[in-house]
Amino acid sequence: MVSLEVKVIDAGPAGRLNPVGPVGPVDPVDPVGPVDPVDPVDPVDPVGPVDPVDPVGPVGPVDPVNPVAPVEPVGPVGN
């Protein structure tokens, strides 16, 4: 079995978005015209039976994974 260690870095307010200024009014949208009727859809033919699937062979061993190098600290983000 392969096992990797993940370290969580507390980057402070990095996930916060900068505030957005006020948004101006939006112009009215024109009405949408009527939609024409949709033609009927032809029936779908029945689907035949599906052949059985062959069994899957055993999976070989997985090579070891090299260690991951340390991650550099993240500096403060924001204003």
Foldseek 3Di string as FASTA:
>chain_A
DADADDDDACQDPPVDDDDDDDDDDDDDDDDDDDDDDDDDDDDDDDDDDDDDDDDDDDDDDDDYDDHDDDDDHDHHDDD
